[in-house]
C-alpha atoms as a PDB file:
ATOM      1  CA  UNK A   1      -3.955  15.502  15.746  1.00  0.00           C
ATOM      2  CA  UNK A   2      -6.640  18.058  15.277  1.00  0.00           C
ATOM      3  CA  UNK A   3      -8.658  16.609  18.414  1.00  0.00           C
ATOM      4  CA  UNK A   4      -5.367  16.633  20.347  1.00  0.00           C
ATOM      5  CA  UNK A   5      -5.026  20.494  19.631  1.00  0.00           C
ATOM      6  CA  UNK A   6      -8.519  21.060  20.455  1.00  0.00           C
ATOM      7  CA  UNK A   7      -8.442  19.081  23.386  1.00  0.00           C
ATOM      8  CA  UNK A   8      -5.348  21.047  24.513  1.00  0.00           C
ATOM      9  CA  UNK A   9      -7.082  24.497  23.877  1.00  0.00           C
ATOM     10  CA  UNK A  10     -10.078  23.512  25.954  1.00  0.00           C
ATOM     11  CA  UNK A  11      -7.921  22.448  28.812  1.00  0.00           C
ATOM     12  CA  UNK A  12      -6.144  25.770  28.795  1.00  0.00           C
ATOM     13  CA  UNK A  13      -9.578  27.595  28.673  1.00  0.00           C
ATOM     14  CA  UNK A  14     -10.794  25.837  31.705  1.00  0.00           C
ATOM     15  CA  UNK A  15      -7.592  26.475  33.632  1.00  0.00           C
ATOM     16  CA  UNK A  16      -7.616  30.075  32.931  1.00  0.00           C
ATOM     17  CA  UNK A  17     -11.230  30.717  32.911  1.00  0.00           C
ATOM     18  CA  UNK A  18     -11.386  32.515  36.013  1.00  0.00           C
ATOM     19  CA  UNK A  19      -8.451  34.781  35.028  1.00  0.00           C
ATOM     20  CA  UNK A  20      -9.398  35.981  31.463  1.00  0.00           C
ATOM     21  CA  UNK A  21     -12.489  37.858  30.306  1.00  0.00           C
ATOM     22  CA  UNK A  22     -15.114  36.600  27.963  1.00  0.00           C
ATOM     23  CA  UNK A  23     -13.867  38.593  24.984  1.00  0.00           C
ATOM     24  CA  UNK A  24     -10.247  37.060  25.207  1.00  0.00           C
ATOM     25  CA  UNK A  25     -11.726  33.694  25.300  1.00  0.00           C
ATOM     26  CA  UNK A  26     -13.804  34.068  22.365  1.00  0.00           C
ATOM     27  CA  UNK A  27     -11.065  35.825  20.561  1.00  0.00           C
ATOM     28  CA  UNK A  28      -8.729  32.554  21.137  1.00  0.00           C
ATOM     29  CA  UNK A  29     -11.650  30.429  20.099  1.00  0.00           C
ATOM     30  CA  UNK A  30     -11.972  32.027  16.813  1.00  0.00           C
ATOM     31  CA  UNK A  31      -8.104  31.859  16.133  1.00  0.00           C
ATOM     32  CA  UNK A  32      -8.230  28.002  16.922  1.00  0.00           C
ATOM     33  CA  UNK A  33     -11.092  27.487  14.577  1.00  0.00           C
ATOM     34  CA  UNK A  34      -9.186  29.183  11.940  1.00  0.00           C
ATOM     35  CA  UNK A  35      -6.210  27.365  12.732  1.00  0.00           C
ATOM     36  CA  UNK A  36      -8.024  24.213  12.528  1.00  0.00           C
ATOM     37  CA  UNK A  37      -9.741  25.243   9.157  1.00  0.00           C
ATOM     38  CA  UNK A  38      -6.086  25.778   7.688  1.00  0.00           C
ATOM     39  CA  UNK A  39      -4.412  22.622   8.974  1.00  0.00           C
ATOM     40  CA  UNK A  40      -7.287  20.373   7.641  1.00  0.00           C
ATOM     41  CA  UNK A  41      -7.402  21.886   4.290  1.00  0.00           C
ATOM     42  CA  UNK A  42      -4.769  19.946   2.489  1.00  0.00           C
ATOM     43  CA  UNK A  43      -5.246  16.685   4.106  1.00  0.00           C
ATOM     44  CA  UNK A  44      -6.984  15.239   1.613  1.00  0.00           C
ATOM     45  CA  UNK A  45      -4.769  15.871  -1.542  1.00  0.00           C
ATOM     46  CA  UNK A  46      -1.756  14.716   0.676  1.00  0.00           C
ATOM     47  CA  UNK A  47      -3.455  11.236   1.681  1.00  0.00           C
ATOM     48  CA  UNK A  48      -4.339  10.867  -2.199  1.00  0.00           C
ATOM     49  CA  UNK A  49      -0.537  11.787  -3.254  1.00  0.00           C
ATOM     50  CA  UNK A  50       0.638   9.561  -0.442  1.00  0.00           C
ATOM     51  CA  UNK A  51      -1.611   6.717  -1.710  1.00  0.00           C
ATOM     52  CA  UNK A  52      -0.538   7.064  -5.307  1.00  0.00           C
ATOM     53  CA  UNK A  53       3.142   6.941  -4.256  1.00  0.00           C
ATOM     54  CA  UNK A  54       2.545   3.873  -2.082  1.00  0.00           C
ATOM     55  CA  UNK A  55       1.036   2.280  -5.135  1.00  0.00           C
ATOM     56  CA  UNK A  56       3.826   3.232  -7.604  1.00  0.00           C
ATOM     57  CA  UNK A  57       6.724   2.579  -5.321  1.00  0.00           C
ATOM     58  CA  UNK A  58       5.524  -0.669  -3.940  1.00  0.00           C
ATOM     59  CA  UNK A  59       4.824  -2.122  -7.294  1.00  0.00           C
ATOM     60  CA  UNK A  60       8.139  -1.423  -8.706  1.00  0.00           C
ATOM     61  CA  UNK A  61      10.219  -2.488  -5.776  1.00  0.00           C
ATOM     62  CA  UNK A  62       7.856  -5.490  -4.876  1.00  0.00           C
ATOM     63  CA  UNK A  63       7.441  -4.349  -1.428  1.00  0.00           C
ATOM     64  CA  UNK A  64       4.013  -5.896  -1.140  1.00  0.00           C
ATOM     65  CA  UNK A  65       3.839  -5.852   2.489  1.00  0.00           C
ATOM     66  CA  UNK A  66       3.750  -1.963   2.286  1.00  0.00           C
ATOM     67  CA  UNK A  67       1.014  -2.202  -0.370  1.00  0.00           C
ATOM     68  CA  UNK A  68      -1.026  -4.814   1.555  1.00  0.00           C
ATOM     69  CA  UNK A  69      -1.426  -2.039   4.238  1.00  0.00           C
ATOM     70  CA  UNK A  70      -3.727  -0.442   1.701  1.00  0.00           C
ATOM     71  CA  UNK A  71      -5.883  -3.542   1.097  1.00  0.00           C
ATOM     72  CA  UNK A  72      -9.588  -3.844   1.895  1.00  0.00           C
ATOM     73  CA  UNK A  73     -10.619  -6.751   4.260  1.00  0.00           C
ATOM     74  CA  UNK A  74     -11.262  -8.751   1.033  1.00  0.00           C
ATOM     75  CA  UNK A  75      -9.526  -8.004  -2.247  1.00  0.00           C
ATOM     76  CA  UNK A  76     -10.144  -9.410  -5.638  1.00  0.00           C
ATOM     77  CA  UNK A  77      -6.886 -10.434  -7.448  1.00  0.00           C
ATOM     78  CA  UNK A  78      -6.873 -11.419 -11.104  1.00  0.00           C
ATOM     79  CA  UNK A  79      -3.702 -12.830 -12.413  1.00  0.00           C
ATOM     80  CA  UNK A  80      -3.876 -13.729 -16.200  1.00  0.00           C
ATOM     81  CA  UNK A  81      -7.635 -14.252 -16.240  1.00  0.00           C
ATOM     82  CA  UNK A  82      -7.981 -16.079 -12.999  1.00  0.00           C
ATOM     83  CA  UNK A  83      -9.653 -14.228 -10.587  1.00  0.00           C
ATOM     84  CA  UNK A  84     -10.914 -14.834  -6.875  1.00  0.00           C
ATOM     85  CA  UNK A  85     -11.724 -12.738  -3.542  1.00  0.00           C
ATOM     86  CA  UNK A  86      -8.879 -13.445  -0.729  1.00  0.00           C
ATOM     87  CA  UNK A  87      -8.520 -12.042   2.858  1.00  0.00           C
ATOM     88  CA  UNK A  88      -5.974  -9.241   2.755  1.00  0.00           C
ATOM     89  CA  UNK A  89      -3.464 -11.398   4.172  1.00  0.00           C
ATOM     90  CA  UNK A  90      -3.908 -14.017   1.609  1.00  0.00           C
ATOM     91  CA  UNK A  91      -3.865 -11.542  -1.089  1.00  0.00           C
ATOM     92  CA  UNK A  92      -0.663 -10.209   0.181  1.00  0.00           C
ATOM     93  CA  UNK A  93       0.845 -13.551  -0.245  1.00  0.00           C
ATOM     94  CA  UNK A  94      -0.375 -14.172  -3.851  1.00  0.00           C
ATOM     95  CA  UNK A  95       0.568 -10.895  -4.795  1.00  0.00           C
ATOM     96  CA  UNK A  96       4.126 -11.199  -3.354  1.00  0.00           C
ATOM     97  CA  UNK A  97       4.685 -14.328  -4.926  1.00  0.00           C
ATOM     98  CA  UNK A  98       3.442 -13.234  -8.426  1.00  0.00           C
ATOM     99  CA  UNK A  99       5.848 -10.203  -8.146  1.00  0.00           C
ATOM    100  CA  UNK A 100       8.763 -12.277  -7.044  1.00  0.00           C
ATOM    101  CA  UNK A 101       8.376 -14.606  -9.803  1.00  0.00           C
ATOM    102  CA  UNK A 102       8.614 -11.613 -12.236  1.00  0.00           C
ATOM    103  CA  UNK A 103      12.116 -10.965 -11.019  1.00  0.00           C
ATOM    104  CA  UNK A 104      13.813  -7.392 -11.849  1.00  0.00           C
ATOM    105  CA  UNK A 105      10.872  -4.977 -12.669  1.00  0.00           C
ATOM    106  CA  UNK A 106      10.103  -1.621 -13.140  1.00  0.00           C
ATOM    107  CA  UNK A 107       6.662   0.199 -12.614  1.00  0.00           C
ATOM    108  CA  UNK A 108       5.302   2.923 -14.789  1.00  0.00           C
ATOM    109  CA  UNK A 109       2.089   4.629 -14.110  1.00  0.00           C
ATOM    110  CA  UNK A 110       0.132   5.108 -17.186  1.00  0.00           C
ATOM    111  CA  UNK A 111      -3.126   6.745 -15.854  1.00  0.00           C
ATOM    112  CA  UNK A 112      -4.946   7.373 -12.611  1.00  0.00           C
ATOM    113  CA  UNK A 113      -8.085   9.045 -11.522  1.00  0.00           C
ATOM    114  CA  UNK A 114     -11.184   8.962  -9.590  1.00  0.00           C
ATOM    115  CA  UNK A 115     -14.378   7.049 -10.305  1.00  0.00           C
ATOM    116  CA  UNK A 116     -17.792   6.727  -8.612  1.00  0.00           C
ATOM    117  CA  UNK A 117     -18.144  10.774  -8.177  1.00  0.00           C
ATOM    118  CA  UNK A 118     -14.863  10.677  -6.244  1.00  0.00           C
ATOM    119  CA  UNK A 119     -15.512   7.859  -4.039  1.00  0.00           C
ATOM    120  CA  UNK A 120     -13.022   5.408  -5.547  1.00  0.00           C
ATOM    121  CA  UNK A 121      -9.732   5.857  -7.127  1.00  0.00           C
ATOM    122  CA  UNK A 122      -8.114   3.836 -10.086  1.00  0.00           C
ATOM    123  CA  UNK A 123      -4.415   3.264 -11.342  1.00  0.00           C
ATOM    124  CA  UNK A 124      -3.241   1.567 -14.710  1.00  0.00           C
ATOM    125  CA  UNK A 125       0.319   0.971 -15.087  1.00  0.00           C
ATOM    126  CA  UNK A 126       2.898  -1.533 -16.685  1.00  0.00           C
ATOM    127  CA  UNK A 127       5.405  -3.569 -15.020  1.00  0.00           C
ATOM    128  CA  UNK A 128       8.400  -4.085 -17.214  1.00  0.00           C
ATOM    129  CA  UNK A 129      10.217  -7.341 -16.423  1.00  0.00           C
ATOM    130  CA  UNK A 130      12.466 -10.206 -18.198  1.00  0.00           C
ATOM    131  CA  UNK A 131       9.233 -11.882 -18.929  1.00  0.00           C
ATOM    132  CA  UNK A 132       7.673  -8.967 -20.674  1.00  0.00           C
ATOM    133  CA  UNK A 133       5.019  -6.515 -19.849  1.00  0.00           C
ATOM    134  CA  UNK A 134       2.379  -6.870 -17.308  1.00  0.00           C
ATOM    135  CA  UNK A 135      -0.703  -4.469 -17.423  1.00  0.00           C
ATOM    136  CA  UNK A 136      -1.634  -3.700 -13.789  1.00  0.00           C
ATOM    137  CA  UNK A 137      -4.986  -2.346 -12.704  1.00  0.00           C
ATOM    138  CA  UNK A 138      -5.808  -1.149  -9.108  1.00  0.00           C
ATOM    139  CA  UNK A 139      -9.265  -0.259  -8.050  1.00  0.00           C
ATOM    140  CA  UNK A 140      -9.502   1.401  -4.670  1.00  0.00           C
ATOM    141  CA  UNK A 141     -12.661   2.518  -2.758  1.00  0.00           C
ATOM    142  CA  UNK A 142     -12.528   5.403  -0.328  1.00  0.00           C
ATOM    143  CA  UNK A 143     -13.777   4.841   3.277  1.00  0.00           C
ATOM    144  CA  UNK A 144     -14.017   8.042   5.288  1.00  0.00           C
ATOM    145  CA  UNK A 145     -11.609   9.682   2.455  1.00  0.00           C
ATOM    146  CA  UNK A 146      -9.083   6.785   2.923  1.00  0.00           C
ATOM    147  CA  UNK A 147      -8.871   4.685  -0.144  1.00  0.00           C
ATOM    148  CA  UNK A 148      -8.635   0.677   0.305  1.00  0.00           C
ATOM    149  CA  UNK A 149      -7.524  -1.380  -2.500  1.00  0.00           C
ATOM    150  CA  UNK A 150     -10.511  -3.858  -3.574  1.00  0.00           C
ATOM    151  CA  UNK A 151      -9.280  -5.070  -6.796  1.00  0.00           C
ATOM    152  CA  UNK A 152      -5.577  -5.762  -8.403  1.00  0.00           C
ATOM    153  CA  UNK A 153      -5.195  -7.236 -11.520  1.00  0.00           C
ATOM    154  CA  UNK A 154      -2.293  -8.458 -13.477  1.00  0.00           C
ATOM    155  CA  UNK A 155      -2.410  -9.107 -17.248  1.00  0.00           C
ATOM    156  CA  UNK A 156       0.579 -10.354 -19.433  1.00  0.00           C
ATOM    157  CA  UNK A 157       0.741  -9.097 -22.989  1.00  0.00           C
END
């Protein structure tokens, strides 16, 4: 989006370069830079908030397809102390099967935070279902400030 705005702005400058003075061009450039800084400021918190809402809503609803869009290429899946690494598509199937077997459920986020100096996020929650309470742990590492799930763990009490 920011690149598109900048390209449009530069195209306009090229089109009107013979019709406007240098001071008007510099003034317009300064305005554009400030606009870009203002627009890019809140992007990181919005992305983090969006990621957290995806985690909380998908675990409660069982919409693993949406959650799997946030999986890294390889994901460590642990279910009741049985752990292995899977491709994102395999992990999607395994997590979906597990959540489907729990039946009706609700997810409550207990704790979330940053790890590794802000380069990773973690989420700890509980899934309440007819079969009891399942502790849920998610670890996501950031790549270019976008979190990707590398580990998801389910433990029954």
